[in-house]
């Protein structure tokens, strides 16, 4: 039986794509890199359930279109919309395992750049005192506070300790 402490969240299903059961998966993990028989895990009614992948293709850098073996219609795929997606912790690269188990604080010391705004600075602290986690970024002009939102991360370079993000327009002007 799969346990929550044995898996790591790798993304989230978005919405169905087409009528044959494909669904979008937002993720920054490359689980297909070293796995000949990839599968994903979803939490259904409090139970972690594995689903084998029939096929997949990239839509963007962070969105895959995934066809699960047992899902054959748009209606069934729609039931997975906004569902968190997990993967076995032991199958994730070592550096990703360490970061996944530590949460946002593991990114302290990482530089952050935004697709539009460019280099923002370095994460110096993480404020988890409220329900909304904030990343404190040291910028030469001012300290920037950015909500810790996984969906905004489009790339992680563990070797260079760098996050590439897409921050909603206007947020940095606050």
Protein backbone atom coordinates (compact mmCIF):
# COMPACT_ATOMS: atom_id res chain seq x y z
CA UNK A 1 0.00 0.00 0.00
CA UNK A 2 1.27 3.46 -0.91
CA UNK A 3 1.78 5.93 1.95
CA UNK A 4 1.90 9.73 1.75
CA UNK A 5 5.44 9.82 3.19
CA UNK A 6 6.65 7.55 0.35
CA UNK A 7 5.57 9.90 -2.43
CA UNK A 8 6.33 13.45 -3.52
CA UNK A 9 3.95 15.84 -5.23
CA UNK A 10 5.18 16.42 -8.77
CA UNK A 11 2.33 18.46 -10.17
CA UNK A 12 -1.37 18.81 -10.74
CA UNK A 13 -3.82 17.67 -13.38
CA UNK A 14 -5.44 20.60 -15.18
CA UNK A 15 -8.29 19.92 -17.60
CA UNK A 16 -9.14 17.27 -20.20
CA UNK A 17 -7.73 17.67 -23.68
CA UNK A 18 -9.89 16.24 -26.44
CA UNK A 19 -12.49 13.50 -26.10
CA UNK A 20 -10.34 10.35 -25.71
CA UNK A 21 -9.28 10.83 -22.09
CA UNK A 22 -6.11 12.93 -22.34
CA UNK A 23 -5.58 15.37 -19.50
CA UNK A 24 -3.10 18.18 -18.91
CA UNK A 25 -0.43 17.71 -16.23
CA UNK A 26 1.42 20.76 -14.92
CA UNK A 27 4.84 19.64 -13.66
CA UNK A 28 8.52 20.57 -13.59
CA UNK A 29 9.65 16.96 -13.06
CA UNK A 30 10.90 14.77 -15.89
CA UNK A 31 9.65 11.38 -14.71
CA UNK A 32 9.97 9.90 -18.20
CA UNK A 33 13.72 10.51 -18.35
CA UNK A 34 14.78 7.19 -16.77
CA UNK A 35 11.56 5.21 -16.55
CA UNK A 36 10.44 2.73 -19.21
CA UNK A 37 7.07 2.08 -17.56
CA UNK A 38 6.04 5.42 -16.05
CA UNK A 39 3.08 5.78 -13.77
CA UNK A 40 1.52 8.54 -11.73
CA UNK A 41 -0.21 8.45 -8.36
CA UNK A 42 -3.38 10.32 -7.48
CA UNK A 43 -5.17 10.62 -4.17
CA UNK A 44 -8.74 9.36 -4.55
CA UNK A 45 -11.02 9.34 -1.51
CA UNK A 46 -7.96 9.51 0.76
CA UNK A 47 -6.22 6.54 -0.90
CA UNK A 48 -3.14 6.85 -3.12
CA UNK A 49 -3.88 5.08 -6.41
CA UNK A 50 -1.29 4.42 -9.17
CA UNK A 51 -2.23 4.93 -12.83
CA UNK A 52 -0.04 3.68 -15.68
CA UNK A 53 0.59 6.06 -18.54
CA UNK A 54 -0.49 4.86 -21.96
CA UNK A 55 1.12 7.80 -23.76
CA UNK A 56 2.19 11.38 -23.20
CA UNK A 57 3.40 14.40 -25.14
CA UNK A 58 4.63 17.86 -24.29
CA UNK A 59 2.31 20.81 -24.73
CA UNK A 60 4.60 23.46 -23.18
CA UNK A 61 7.73 23.40 -21.01
CA UNK A 62 5.65 22.71 -17.92
CA UNK A 63 2.50 21.06 -19.29
CA UNK A 64 2.28 17.50 -20.53
CA UNK A 65 -0.76 15.92 -22.15
CA UNK A 66 -1.13 12.51 -20.52
CA UNK A 67 -3.30 9.54 -21.48
CA UNK A 68 -3.76 7.15 -18.55
CA UNK A 69 -4.46 3.47 -19.34
CA UNK A 70 -7.87 3.28 -17.68
CA UNK A 71 -9.22 6.68 -18.76
CA UNK A 72 -10.97 6.62 -22.15
CA UNK A 73 -13.35 9.58 -22.20
CA UNK A 74 -13.38 13.31 -21.56
CA UNK A 75 -15.99 12.88 -18.80
CA UNK A 76 -13.84 10.45 -16.81
CA UNK A 77 -10.72 12.59 -17.36
CA UNK A 78 -12.63 15.65 -16.08
CA UNK A 79 -13.00 13.93 -12.67
CA UNK A 80 -9.19 14.20 -12.31
CA UNK A 81 -9.11 17.97 -12.97
CA UNK A 82 -7.29 19.90 -10.21
CA UNK A 83 -6.14 16.63 -8.63
CA UNK A 84 -2.62 16.62 -7.15
CA UNK A 85 -0.25 14.17 -8.84
CA UNK A 86 2.43 12.25 -6.93
CA UNK A 87 5.41 10.05 -7.76
CA UNK A 88 7.40 7.58 -5.59
CA UNK A 89 10.02 9.43 -3.57
CA UNK A 90 12.71 6.80 -4.23
CA UNK A 91 12.28 7.26 -8.00
CA UNK A 92 12.90 11.01 -7.90
CA UNK A 93 16.50 12.20 -8.32
CA UNK A 94 18.44 12.51 -5.07
CA UNK A 95 18.70 16.32 -5.15
CA UNK A 96 14.98 16.60 -5.88
CA UNK A 97 14.17 14.21 -3.00
CA UNK A 98 16.02 16.40 -0.52
CA UNK A 99 14.28 19.55 -1.71
CA UNK A 100 10.86 17.91 -1.84
CA UNK A 101 11.13 16.69 1.73
CA UNK A 102 12.31 20.10 3.03
CA UNK A 103 9.63 22.25 1.41
CA UNK A 104 10.20 25.86 0.38
CA UNK A 105 13.04 26.39 2.85
CA UNK A 106 15.21 24.15 0.66
CA UNK A 107 15.26 26.94 -1.93
CA UNK A 108 16.99 29.48 0.33
CA UNK A 109 20.14 30.50 -1.55
CA UNK A 110 18.60 29.88 -4.97
CA UNK A 111 18.60 32.71 -7.48
CA UNK A 112 15.24 33.55 -9.06
CA UNK A 113 14.49 34.92 -12.49
CA UNK A 114 11.18 35.72 -14.12
CA UNK A 115 10.45 35.31 -17.83
CA UNK A 116 9.36 38.96 -18.10
CA UNK A 117 11.20 40.79 -15.29
CA UNK A 118 14.53 38.95 -15.61
CA UNK A 119 16.78 38.25 -12.64
CA UNK A 120 14.97 39.11 -9.40
CA UNK A 121 17.65 38.15 -6.88
CA UNK A 122 18.36 35.44 -4.33
CA UNK A 123 15.92 33.80 -1.93
CA UNK A 124 17.18 34.78 1.54
CA UNK A 125 14.34 33.48 3.71
CA UNK A 126 10.98 31.74 3.69
CA UNK A 127 8.10 33.05 5.79
CA UNK A 128 5.70 30.24 6.67
CA UNK A 129 4.08 32.02 9.61
CA UNK A 130 0.78 32.37 7.73
CA UNK A 131 -1.20 30.08 5.45
CA UNK A 132 0.41 31.79 2.45
CA UNK A 133 4.11 30.98 2.27
CA UNK A 134 6.23 33.95 1.17
CA UNK A 135 9.67 33.80 -0.41
CA UNK A 136 11.88 36.73 0.56
CA UNK A 137 14.06 37.68 -2.40
CA UNK A 138 17.01 40.02 -1.92
CA UNK A 139 17.03 42.40 -4.87
CA UNK A 140 19.54 45.30 -5.19
CA UNK A 141 16.65 47.79 -5.32
CA UNK A 142 14.40 46.34 -2.59
CA UNK A 143 13.34 43.21 -0.76
CA UNK A 144 10.74 41.35 -2.79
CA UNK A 145 8.08 39.11 -1.24
CA UNK A 146 6.64 36.51 -3.60
CA UNK A 147 4.04 33.90 -2.68
CA UNK A 148 5.39 30.34 -2.81
CA UNK A 149 3.23 28.94 -5.62
CA UNK A 150 4.44 25.74 -7.30
CA UNK A 151 2.48 26.46 -10.46
CA UNK A 152 4.58 29.61 -11.06
CA UNK A 153 7.82 27.60 -11.28
CA UNK A 154 8.64 26.73 -14.86
CA UNK A 155 12.17 25.36 -14.40
CA UNK A 156 14.50 24.33 -11.59
CA UNK A 157 18.25 24.00 -12.10
CA UNK A 158 19.53 22.10 -9.05
CA UNK A 159 23.17 22.31 -10.09
CA UNK A 160 23.17 26.10 -10.56
CA UNK A 161 20.68 26.62 -7.71
CA UNK A 162 18.32 28.62 -9.87
CA UNK A 163 14.53 28.90 -10.18
CA UNK A 164 12.82 30.25 -13.28
CA UNK A 165 9.32 31.50 -12.56
CA UNK A 166 6.39 33.28 -14.16
CA UNK A 167 4.99 35.84 -11.73
CA UNK A 168 1.56 37.30 -12.56
CA UNK A 169 1.69 40.77 -14.04
CA UNK A 170 1.53 43.58 -11.51
CA UNK A 171 2.49 41.49 -8.47
CA UNK A 172 6.03 42.88 -8.28
CA UNK A 173 4.74 46.47 -8.38
CA UNK A 174 2.89 46.03 -5.07
